[in-house]
Amino acid sequence: RMKKFYNRYQELQTLRQISENTGKGNSRLSVLVGFRRVGKTRLINEAFKNTRHIYFFISKKSEKVLVQEFADIIALECNTKFFSPGSLIDIMEFLLDYSIGHPITVIMDEFQDIRNINAGFYSDLQNLWDKYRQRAQMHLVTCGSIYSLMTKIFKGDDEPLFNRHDHYFHINSLTPS
C-alpha cells in the first residue's frame, strides 16, 4: 500500500507539465538531484503514474544484462518488437527515433551509475540528443543520488552533457513540518 504523498507539489506539477508539452515538439531533459532517501523516486512515480512512460533503473549489472532488461521493458511498454540492441546508446537511439511519432517520457534512475557501466555513454548521448532533440518528442528525466557527480555531469563545463538540461531540480529532505 502506497503511503500518502507529501509536499513537492510544485515539482510534481512542473514535471507533469513538461511531459504534457513534449508532445507539442522538441524534447526536454530534466535532472533530479538529491541525497539518498529524500523521495526522488517517489516523486517520479507520483508524477508519471497516470502517463505513458518508461522507467529504467541503472543497477550495478553488466551493460549486456541491462540492455536486455531495457529491451524487454520497451517491447512491453511500446508494444513493439525491438531489434537486438548491443548497448545502452542503441536503446536511447531507438527511443529517440520512436518518440518522433510517439511522445514519451523516459526515466533513468541512478543515472550517474552509467559511468561505471559504459564510460562513453555521456558523449554518445550528447551526440544523439543534439541530433534528435528538435524532432523527437521525449521528456528524458535523469535522476541521481550522488549530488556531486550529477552536478558534474550536467554542469561541469568539460563534460559532454554540459548545459543540455532544460530543468534542474534539487530535491531536499522534507522539513518536520
N, C-alpha and C. Protein backbone atom coordinates (compact mmCIF):
# COMPACT_ATOMS: atom_id res chain seq x y z
N ARG A 1 0.83 -1.18 0.00
CA ARG A 1 0.00 0.00 0.00
C ARG A 1 0.88 1.25 0.00
N MET A 2 0.54 2.19 -0.87
CA MET A 2 1.32 3.42 -1.02
C MET A 2 0.98 4.39 0.11
N LYS A 3 2.01 4.96 0.70
CA LYS A 3 1.80 5.97 1.73
C LYS A 3 1.38 7.27 1.07
N LYS A 4 0.81 8.16 1.89
CA LYS A 4 0.36 9.45 1.39
C LYS A 4 1.56 10.24 0.84
N PHE A 5 1.32 10.93 -0.26
CA PHE A 5 2.35 11.76 -0.88
C PHE A 5 2.30 13.14 -0.24
N TYR A 6 3.45 13.62 0.23
CA TYR A 6 3.53 14.91 0.90
C TYR A 6 4.38 15.90 0.10
N ASN A 7 3.95 17.14 0.16
CA ASN A 7 4.74 18.25 -0.35
C ASN A 7 5.16 18.03 -1.81
N ARG A 8 6.18 18.68 -2.25
CA ARG A 8 6.74 18.54 -3.61
C ARG A 8 5.71 18.77 -4.72
N TYR A 9 4.64 19.47 -4.39
CA TYR A 9 3.57 19.67 -5.38
C TYR A 9 4.03 20.55 -6.54
N GLN A 10 4.90 21.48 -6.27
CA GLN A 10 5.40 22.34 -7.36
C GLN A 10 6.24 21.51 -8.34
N GLU A 11 7.12 20.68 -7.83
CA GLU A 11 7.95 19.82 -8.68
C GLU A 11 7.07 18.83 -9.45
N LEU A 12 6.08 18.29 -8.75
CA LEU A 12 5.13 17.36 -9.35
C LEU A 12 4.42 18.00 -10.55
N GLN A 13 3.91 19.18 -10.33
CA GLN A 13 3.19 19.90 -11.40
C GLN A 13 4.13 20.24 -12.55
N THR A 14 5.33 20.69 -12.25
CA THR A 14 6.28 21.07 -13.29
C THR A 14 6.67 19.86 -14.14
N LEU A 15 6.98 18.73 -13.49
CA LEU A 15 7.34 17.51 -14.24
C LEU A 15 6.21 17.06 -15.15
N ARG A 16 4.99 17.09 -14.63
CA ARG A 16 3.83 16.69 -15.45
C ARG A 16 3.65 17.63 -16.63
N GLN A 17 3.79 18.91 -16.38
CA GLN A 17 3.61 19.92 -17.43
C GLN A 17 4.66 19.75 -18.54
N ILE A 18 5.89 19.48 -18.16
CA ILE A 18 6.95 19.28 -19.15
C ILE A 18 6.60 18.09 -20.05
N SER A 19 6.18 16.98 -19.44
CA SER A 19 5.82 15.80 -20.23
C SER A 19 4.63 16.07 -21.13
N GLU A 20 3.63 16.77 -20.62
CA GLU A 20 2.45 17.09 -21.44
C GLU A 20 2.83 17.95 -22.64
N ASN A 21 3.75 18.88 -22.44
CA ASN A 21 4.15 19.78 -23.53
C ASN A 21 5.13 19.14 -24.50
N THR A 22 5.72 18.03 -24.13
CA THR A 22 6.68 17.36 -25.02
C THR A 22 6.02 16.93 -26.32
N GLY A 23 4.75 16.56 -26.26
CA GLY A 23 4.02 16.15 -27.46
C GLY A 23 3.81 17.28 -28.45
N LYS A 24 4.14 18.49 -28.05
CA LYS A 24 3.98 19.65 -28.94
C LYS A 24 5.29 20.00 -29.65
N GLY A 25 6.25 19.06 -29.60
CA GLY A 25 7.53 19.27 -30.29
C GLY A 25 8.65 19.50 -29.31
N ASN A 26 9.87 19.29 -29.78
CA ASN A 26 11.10 19.49 -29.01
C ASN A 26 11.16 18.63 -27.75
N SER A 27 12.23 17.91 -27.64
CA SER A 27 12.47 17.10 -26.45
C SER A 27 12.93 17.98 -25.30
N ARG A 28 12.77 17.46 -24.11
CA ARG A 28 13.18 18.16 -22.90
C ARG A 28 13.98 17.20 -22.03
N LEU A 29 14.96 17.74 -21.34
CA LEU A 29 15.80 16.96 -20.44
C LEU A 29 15.70 17.57 -19.04
N SER A 30 15.22 16.76 -18.10
CA SER A 30 15.11 17.18 -16.71
C SER A 30 16.09 16.39 -15.87
N VAL A 31 16.67 17.06 -14.89
CA VAL A 31 17.61 16.44 -13.97
C VAL A 31 17.06 16.58 -12.56
N LEU A 32 16.94 15.45 -11.86
CA LEU A 32 16.55 15.45 -10.45
C LEU A 32 17.75 14.99 -9.64
N VAL A 33 18.16 15.82 -8.70
CA VAL A 33 19.33 15.52 -7.88
C VAL A 33 18.95 15.68 -6.42
N GLY A 34 19.42 14.78 -5.61
CA GLY A 34 19.21 14.88 -4.17
C GLY A 34 19.84 13.68 -3.49
N PHE A 35 20.11 13.85 -2.22
CA PHE A 35 20.73 12.76 -1.48
C PHE A 35 19.80 11.55 -1.42
N ARG A 36 20.36 10.42 -1.06
CA ARG A 36 19.57 9.19 -0.93
C ARG A 36 18.46 9.38 0.09
N ARG A 37 17.35 8.72 -0.18
CA ARG A 37 16.22 8.64 0.74
C ARG A 37 15.46 9.96 0.95
N VAL A 38 15.55 10.90 0.00
CA VAL A 38 14.78 12.14 0.14
C VAL A 38 13.47 12.12 -0.66
N GLY A 39 13.24 11.06 -1.44
CA GLY A 39 11.97 10.92 -2.13
C GLY A 39 11.98 11.22 -3.62
N LYS A 40 13.14 11.15 -4.25
CA LYS A 40 13.22 11.43 -5.69
C LYS A 40 12.42 10.42 -6.51
N THR A 41 12.65 9.14 -6.23
CA THR A 41 11.94 8.10 -6.99
C THR A 41 10.45 8.16 -6.70
N ARG A 42 10.07 8.43 -5.49
CA ARG A 42 8.65 8.55 -5.14
C ARG A 42 8.02 9.71 -5.91
N LEU A 43 8.73 10.82 -6.00
CA LEU A 43 8.26 11.98 -6.77
C LEU A 43 8.04 11.59 -8.23
N ILE A 44 8.99 10.88 -8.80
CA ILE A 44 8.87 10.45 -10.19
C ILE A 44 7.67 9.52 -10.37
N ASN A 45 7.55 8.54 -9.47
CA ASN A 45 6.42 7.61 -9.55
C ASN A 45 5.08 8.33 -9.45
N GLU A 46 5.01 9.30 -8.58
CA GLU A 46 3.77 10.07 -8.40
C GLU A 46 3.50 10.94 -9.63
N ALA A 47 4.53 11.56 -10.15
CA ALA A 47 4.37 12.48 -11.29
C ALA A 47 3.87 11.78 -12.54
N PHE A 48 4.34 10.55 -12.76
CA PHE A 48 4.05 9.88 -14.03
C PHE A 48 3.16 8.65 -13.90
N LYS A 49 2.50 8.49 -12.77
CA LYS A 49 1.71 7.27 -12.55
C LYS A 49 0.55 7.11 -13.53
N ASN A 50 0.03 8.18 -14.05
CA ASN A 50 -1.10 8.10 -14.99
C ASN A 50 -0.73 8.53 -16.40
N THR A 51 0.57 8.51 -16.71
CA THR A 51 1.01 8.91 -18.05
C THR A 51 1.87 7.81 -18.65
N ARG A 52 1.99 7.86 -19.94
CA ARG A 52 2.82 6.88 -20.66
C ARG A 52 4.28 7.21 -20.40
N HIS A 53 4.97 6.26 -19.81
CA HIS A 53 6.39 6.47 -19.52
C HIS A 53 7.11 5.13 -19.47
N ILE A 54 8.42 5.23 -19.57
CA ILE A 54 9.29 4.07 -19.43
C ILE A 54 10.26 4.39 -18.31
N TYR A 55 10.37 3.47 -17.37
CA TYR A 55 11.25 3.66 -16.21
C TYR A 55 12.40 2.66 -16.29
N PHE A 56 13.63 3.18 -16.27
CA PHE A 56 14.83 2.36 -16.25
C PHE A 56 15.58 2.64 -14.95
N PHE A 57 15.91 1.58 -14.24
CA PHE A 57 16.75 1.71 -13.06
C PHE A 57 18.14 1.24 -13.44
N ILE A 58 19.13 2.10 -13.30
CA ILE A 58 20.50 1.77 -13.67
C ILE A 58 21.12 1.03 -12.48
N SER A 59 20.98 -0.28 -12.50
CA SER A 59 21.54 -1.10 -11.43
C SER A 59 22.97 -1.48 -11.77
N LYS A 60 23.66 -1.99 -10.78
CA LYS A 60 25.07 -2.34 -10.96
C LYS A 60 25.19 -3.72 -11.58
N LYS A 61 24.85 -3.78 -12.85
CA LYS A 61 24.93 -5.01 -13.64
C LYS A 61 25.76 -4.71 -14.87
N SER A 62 26.04 -5.73 -15.64
CA SER A 62 26.78 -5.50 -16.87
C SER A 62 25.88 -4.78 -17.87
N GLU A 63 26.51 -4.11 -18.82
CA GLU A 63 25.73 -3.42 -19.85
C GLU A 63 24.87 -4.41 -20.63
N LYS A 64 25.41 -5.57 -20.92
CA LYS A 64 24.66 -6.58 -21.67
C LYS A 64 23.37 -6.97 -20.95
N VAL A 65 23.43 -7.18 -19.66
CA VAL A 65 22.25 -7.55 -18.87
C VAL A 65 21.24 -6.40 -18.83
N LEU A 66 21.73 -5.17 -18.59
CA LEU A 66 20.83 -4.01 -18.57
C LEU A 66 20.16 -3.81 -19.92
N VAL A 67 20.91 -3.94 -20.99
CA VAL A 67 20.36 -3.77 -22.34
C VAL A 67 19.22 -4.75 -22.56
N GLN A 68 19.39 -5.99 -22.17
CA GLN A 68 18.33 -6.99 -22.35
C GLN A 68 17.10 -6.65 -21.50
N GLU A 69 17.32 -6.25 -20.25
CA GLU A 69 16.21 -5.85 -19.38
C GLU A 69 15.45 -4.68 -19.99
N PHE A 70 16.19 -3.68 -20.46
CA PHE A 70 15.56 -2.48 -21.01
C PHE A 70 14.84 -2.79 -22.32
N ALA A 71 15.41 -3.65 -23.14
CA ALA A 71 14.75 -4.04 -24.40
C ALA A 71 13.42 -4.73 -24.10
N ASP A 72 13.39 -5.56 -23.05
CA ASP A 72 12.14 -6.22 -22.65
C ASP A 72 11.10 -5.20 -22.18
N ILE A 73 11.53 -4.20 -21.44
CA ILE A 73 10.63 -3.15 -20.97
C ILE A 73 10.06 -2.38 -22.16
N ILE A 74 10.92 -2.04 -23.11
CA ILE A 74 10.49 -1.30 -24.30
C ILE A 74 9.48 -2.11 -25.10
N ALA A 75 9.75 -3.39 -25.29
CA ALA A 75 8.82 -4.24 -26.04
C ALA A 75 7.44 -4.25 -25.39
N LEU A 76 7.41 -4.28 -24.08
CA LEU A 76 6.14 -4.30 -23.34
C LEU A 76 5.45 -2.93 -23.37
N GLU A 77 6.19 -1.89 -23.04
CA GLU A 77 5.61 -0.54 -22.91
C GLU A 77 5.25 0.09 -24.25
N CYS A 78 6.04 -0.18 -25.27
CA CYS A 78 5.80 0.45 -26.57
C CYS A 78 5.05 -0.46 -27.53
N ASN A 79 4.74 -1.66 -27.06
CA ASN A 79 4.02 -2.62 -27.89
C ASN A 79 4.69 -2.76 -29.26
N THR A 80 5.99 -2.95 -29.20
CA THR A 80 6.76 -3.03 -30.43
C THR A 80 7.82 -4.11 -30.30
N LYS A 81 8.12 -4.72 -31.38
CA LYS A 81 9.21 -5.71 -31.40
C LYS A 81 10.50 -4.92 -31.54
N PHE A 82 11.36 -5.07 -30.59
CA PHE A 82 12.60 -4.30 -30.55
C PHE A 82 13.71 -5.09 -31.23
N PHE A 83 14.60 -4.42 -31.93
CA PHE A 83 15.74 -5.07 -32.54
C PHE A 83 16.68 -5.55 -31.43
N SER A 84 17.75 -6.16 -31.79
CA SER A 84 18.70 -6.66 -30.79
C SER A 84 19.74 -5.58 -30.49
N PRO A 85 19.49 -4.77 -29.49
CA PRO A 85 20.44 -3.69 -29.19
C PRO A 85 21.73 -4.25 -28.61
N GLY A 86 22.81 -3.59 -28.90
CA GLY A 86 24.10 -4.03 -28.38
C GLY A 86 24.59 -3.19 -27.23
N SER A 87 23.96 -2.02 -27.03
CA SER A 87 24.46 -1.11 -26.00
C SER A 87 23.32 -0.23 -25.47
N LEU A 88 23.60 0.46 -24.38
CA LEU A 88 22.62 1.39 -23.83
C LEU A 88 22.34 2.53 -24.79
N ILE A 89 23.35 2.92 -25.56
CA ILE A 89 23.13 4.01 -26.51
C ILE A 89 22.23 3.56 -27.65
N ASP A 90 22.26 2.28 -28.02
CA ASP A 90 21.31 1.75 -29.01
C ASP A 90 19.88 1.89 -28.49
N ILE A 91 19.70 1.64 -27.20
CA ILE A 91 18.39 1.79 -26.56
C ILE A 91 17.92 3.24 -26.68
N MET A 92 18.81 4.17 -26.35
CA MET A 92 18.43 5.60 -26.40
C MET A 92 18.14 6.06 -27.82
N GLU A 93 18.92 5.58 -28.78
CA GLU A 93 18.66 5.98 -30.16
C GLU A 93 17.32 5.45 -30.64
N PHE A 94 17.01 4.21 -30.29
CA PHE A 94 15.71 3.65 -30.64
C PHE A 94 14.59 4.50 -30.05
N LEU A 95 14.69 4.85 -28.77
CA LEU A 95 13.63 5.61 -28.10
C LEU A 95 13.50 7.03 -28.64
N LEU A 96 14.61 7.66 -28.94
CA LEU A 96 14.54 9.00 -29.53
C LEU A 96 13.87 8.94 -30.90
N ASP A 97 14.24 7.95 -31.71
CA ASP A 97 13.62 7.79 -33.02
C ASP A 97 12.12 7.46 -32.86
N TYR A 98 11.81 6.57 -31.95
CA TYR A 98 10.42 6.18 -31.68
C TYR A 98 9.59 7.40 -31.26
N SER A 99 10.18 8.27 -30.46
CA SER A 99 9.44 9.42 -29.92
C SER A 99 9.12 10.48 -30.98
N ILE A 100 9.71 10.38 -32.14
CA ILE A 100 9.38 11.34 -33.20
C ILE A 100 7.89 11.25 -33.51
N GLY A 101 7.34 10.05 -33.51
CA GLY A 101 5.91 9.88 -33.78
C GLY A 101 5.08 9.52 -32.57
N HIS A 102 5.75 9.27 -31.43
CA HIS A 102 5.04 8.83 -30.22
C HIS A 102 5.64 9.54 -29.01
N PRO A 103 5.05 10.65 -28.57
CA PRO A 103 5.60 11.36 -27.40
C PRO A 103 5.71 10.41 -26.21
N ILE A 104 6.83 10.50 -25.49
CA ILE A 104 7.05 9.58 -24.37
C ILE A 104 7.96 10.22 -23.32
N THR A 105 7.75 9.80 -22.10
CA THR A 105 8.64 10.18 -21.00
C THR A 105 9.52 8.98 -20.69
N VAL A 106 10.83 9.21 -20.63
CA VAL A 106 11.79 8.16 -20.31
C VAL A 106 12.53 8.58 -19.06
N ILE A 107 12.50 7.71 -18.05
CA ILE A 107 13.13 8.00 -16.77
C ILE A 107 14.33 7.08 -16.59
N MET A 108 15.46 7.67 -16.24
CA MET A 108 16.67 6.90 -15.95
C MET A 108 17.09 7.20 -14.52
N ASP A 109 16.80 6.27 -13.63
CA ASP A 109 17.08 6.44 -12.20
C ASP A 109 18.48 5.93 -11.88
N GLU A 110 19.17 6.64 -11.02
CA GLU A 110 20.58 6.41 -10.68
C GLU A 110 21.46 6.58 -11.93
N PHE A 111 21.16 7.65 -12.64
CA PHE A 111 21.80 7.98 -13.92
C PHE A 111 23.32 8.07 -13.82
N GLN A 112 23.82 8.54 -12.68
CA GLN A 112 25.27 8.71 -12.54
C GLN A 112 26.01 7.38 -12.61
N ASP A 113 25.33 6.26 -12.34
CA ASP A 113 25.99 4.95 -12.34
C ASP A 113 26.31 4.43 -13.74
N ILE A 114 25.78 5.07 -14.77
CA ILE A 114 26.10 4.65 -16.14
C ILE A 114 27.60 4.77 -16.41
N ARG A 115 28.22 5.73 -15.78
CA ARG A 115 29.67 5.95 -15.97
C ARG A 115 30.46 4.68 -15.67
N ASN A 116 30.00 3.90 -14.69
CA ASN A 116 30.70 2.66 -14.32
C ASN A 116 30.39 1.52 -15.28
N ILE A 117 29.34 1.63 -16.05
CA ILE A 117 28.90 0.57 -16.96
C ILE A 117 29.45 0.81 -18.36
N ASN A 118 29.38 2.07 -18.81
CA ASN A 118 29.85 2.43 -20.15
C ASN A 118 30.37 3.87 -20.08
N ALA A 119 31.67 4.01 -19.98
CA ALA A 119 32.30 5.32 -19.79
C ALA A 119 32.02 6.30 -20.94
N GLY A 120 31.73 5.79 -22.13
CA GLY A 120 31.48 6.67 -23.27
C GLY A 120 30.03 7.05 -23.46
N PHE A 121 29.16 6.58 -22.59
CA PHE A 121 27.72 6.80 -22.76
C PHE A 121 27.35 8.28 -22.82
N TYR A 122 27.91 9.10 -21.94
CA TYR A 122 27.52 10.52 -21.89
C TYR A 122 27.89 11.25 -23.18
N SER A 123 29.05 10.94 -23.74
CA SER A 123 29.44 11.55 -25.02
C SER A 123 28.51 11.10 -26.14
N ASP A 124 28.20 9.81 -26.15
CA ASP A 124 27.29 9.29 -27.18
C ASP A 124 25.89 9.88 -27.03
N LEU A 125 25.44 10.04 -25.78
CA LEU A 125 24.12 10.63 -25.55
C LEU A 125 24.09 12.08 -26.00
N GLN A 126 25.16 12.81 -25.75
CA GLN A 126 25.24 14.20 -26.21
C GLN A 126 25.04 14.26 -27.72
N ASN A 127 25.73 13.40 -28.43
CA ASN A 127 25.64 13.37 -29.88
C ASN A 127 24.21 13.06 -30.34
N LEU A 128 23.60 12.04 -29.74
CA LEU A 128 22.22 11.68 -30.08
C LEU A 128 21.24 12.79 -29.72
N TRP A 129 21.40 13.35 -28.52
CA TRP A 129 20.48 14.40 -28.07
C TRP A 129 20.52 15.60 -29.01
N ASP A 130 21.72 16.00 -29.40
CA ASP A 130 21.86 17.13 -30.31
C ASP A 130 21.25 16.81 -31.68
N LYS A 131 21.38 15.57 -32.11
CA LYS A 131 20.86 15.14 -33.41
C LYS A 131 19.33 15.06 -33.43
N TYR A 132 18.73 14.54 -32.37
CA TYR A 132 17.29 14.27 -32.35
C TYR A 132 16.44 15.32 -31.64
N ARG A 133 17.02 16.13 -30.81
CA ARG A 133 16.27 16.99 -29.91
C ARG A 133 15.14 17.79 -30.56
N GLN A 134 15.38 18.36 -31.70
CA GLN A 134 14.37 19.21 -32.34
C GLN A 134 13.22 18.41 -32.94
N ARG A 135 13.46 17.16 -33.33
CA ARG A 135 12.42 16.34 -33.96
C ARG A 135 11.73 15.40 -32.99
N ALA A 136 12.47 14.91 -32.03
CA ALA A 136 11.92 13.93 -31.09
C ALA A 136 10.97 14.61 -30.11
N GLN A 137 10.12 13.80 -29.50
CA GLN A 137 9.14 14.29 -28.53
C GLN A 137 9.30 13.49 -27.23
N MET A 138 10.49 13.61 -26.66
CA MET A 138 10.82 12.85 -25.46
C MET A 138 11.06 13.79 -24.29
N HIS A 139 10.52 13.41 -23.14
CA HIS A 139 10.92 14.05 -21.89
C HIS A 139 11.84 13.05 -21.21
N LEU A 140 13.12 13.32 -21.25
CA LEU A 140 14.11 12.47 -20.61
C LEU A 140 14.33 12.99 -19.20
N VAL A 141 14.04 12.15 -18.22
CA VAL A 141 14.20 12.50 -16.82
C VAL A 141 15.35 11.68 -16.26
N THR A 142 16.41 12.36 -15.86
CA THR A 142 17.54 11.68 -15.25
C THR A 142 17.51 11.98 -13.76
N CYS A 143 17.73 10.96 -12.98
CA CYS A 143 17.63 11.09 -11.54
C CYS A 143 18.88 10.49 -10.92
N GLY A 144 19.46 11.16 -9.94
CA GLY A 144 20.65 10.64 -9.32
C GLY A 144 20.80 11.06 -7.88
N SER A 145 21.45 10.20 -7.10
CA SER A 145 21.58 10.47 -5.68
C SER A 145 23.00 10.87 -5.26
N ILE A 146 23.93 10.82 -6.18
CA ILE A 146 25.27 11.31 -5.85
C ILE A 146 25.36 12.73 -6.40
N TYR A 147 25.05 13.67 -5.52
CA TYR A 147 24.88 15.08 -5.89
C TYR A 147 26.09 15.62 -6.65
N SER A 148 27.28 15.39 -6.13
CA SER A 148 28.47 15.96 -6.77
C SER A 148 28.67 15.41 -8.18
N LEU A 149 28.42 14.13 -8.37
CA LEU A 149 28.60 13.52 -9.68
C LEU A 149 27.54 13.98 -10.67
N MET A 150 26.28 14.05 -10.23
CA MET A 150 25.21 14.52 -11.12
C MET A 150 25.46 15.98 -11.52
N THR A 151 25.91 16.78 -10.56
CA THR A 151 26.20 18.18 -10.85
C THR A 151 27.34 18.28 -11.86
N LYS A 152 28.36 17.45 -11.68
CA LYS A 152 29.48 17.45 -12.62
C LYS A 152 29.02 17.04 -14.03
N ILE A 153 28.18 16.00 -14.12
CA ILE A 153 27.72 15.50 -15.42
C ILE A 153 27.00 16.58 -16.22
N PHE A 154 26.16 17.38 -15.54
CA PHE A 154 25.33 18.35 -16.25
C PHE A 154 25.81 19.80 -16.14
N LYS A 155 26.69 20.09 -15.18
CA LYS A 155 27.13 21.48 -15.02
C LYS A 155 28.64 21.65 -15.11
N GLY A 156 29.35 20.54 -15.27
CA GLY A 156 30.80 20.62 -15.45
C GLY A 156 31.11 21.04 -16.87
N ASP A 157 31.80 22.15 -17.04
CA ASP A 157 31.98 22.70 -18.39
C ASP A 157 32.88 21.84 -19.28
N ASP A 158 33.51 20.82 -18.73
CA ASP A 158 34.30 19.91 -19.56
C ASP A 158 33.58 18.59 -19.79
N GLU A 159 32.30 18.52 -19.43
CA GLU A 159 31.50 17.30 -19.57
C GLU A 159 30.65 17.37 -20.84
N PRO A 160 30.41 16.22 -21.49
CA PRO A 160 29.63 16.20 -22.74
C PRO A 160 28.18 16.69 -22.59
N LEU A 161 27.57 16.48 -21.42
CA LEU A 161 26.17 16.89 -21.24
C LEU A 161 26.03 18.27 -20.59
N PHE A 162 27.14 19.02 -20.57
CA PHE A 162 27.14 20.37 -20.00
C PHE A 162 26.02 21.21 -20.62
N ASN A 163 25.16 21.72 -19.75
CA ASN A 163 24.05 22.62 -20.13
C ASN A 163 23.08 22.02 -21.14
N ARG A 164 22.98 20.71 -21.23
CA ARG A 164 21.99 20.10 -22.13
C ARG A 164 20.63 20.01 -21.45
N HIS A 165 20.60 20.17 -20.13
CA HIS A 165 19.33 20.05 -19.40
C HIS A 165 18.49 21.31 -19.57
N ASP A 166 17.18 21.11 -19.52
CA ASP A 166 16.23 22.22 -19.57
C ASP A 166 15.74 22.59 -18.17
N HIS A 167 15.68 21.59 -17.31
CA HIS A 167 15.18 21.79 -15.94
C HIS A 167 16.07 21.04 -14.98
N TYR A 168 16.39 21.68 -13.87
CA TYR A 168 17.27 21.09 -12.85
C TYR A 168 16.56 21.20 -11.52
N PHE A 169 16.23 20.06 -10.94
CA PHE A 169 15.50 20.02 -9.68
C PHE A 169 16.44 19.51 -8.59
N HIS A 170 16.67 20.32 -7.57
CA HIS A 170 17.44 19.88 -6.42
C HIS A 170 16.42 19.52 -5.33
N ILE A 171 16.31 18.24 -5.07
CA ILE A 171 15.31 17.73 -4.12
C ILE A 171 15.96 17.63 -2.74
N ASN A 172 15.45 18.40 -1.81
CA ASN A 172 15.95 18.40 -0.44
C ASN A 172 15.08 17.53 0.44
N SER A 173 15.58 17.22 1.63
CA SER A 173 14.80 16.49 2.62
C SER A 173 13.58 17.31 3.01
N LEU A 174 12.50 16.63 3.33
CA LEU A 174 11.31 17.33 3.81
C LEU A 174 11.59 17.83 5.22
N THR A 175 11.06 18.98 5.54
CA THR A 175 11.20 19.51 6.90
C THR A 175 10.20 18.80 7.81
N PRO A 176 10.43 18.80 9.12
CA PRO A 176 9.50 18.13 10.03
C PRO A 176 8.06 18.64 9.91
N SER A 177 7.89 19.89 9.58
CA SER A 177 6.51 20.43 9.48
C SER A 177 5.84 19.93 8.22
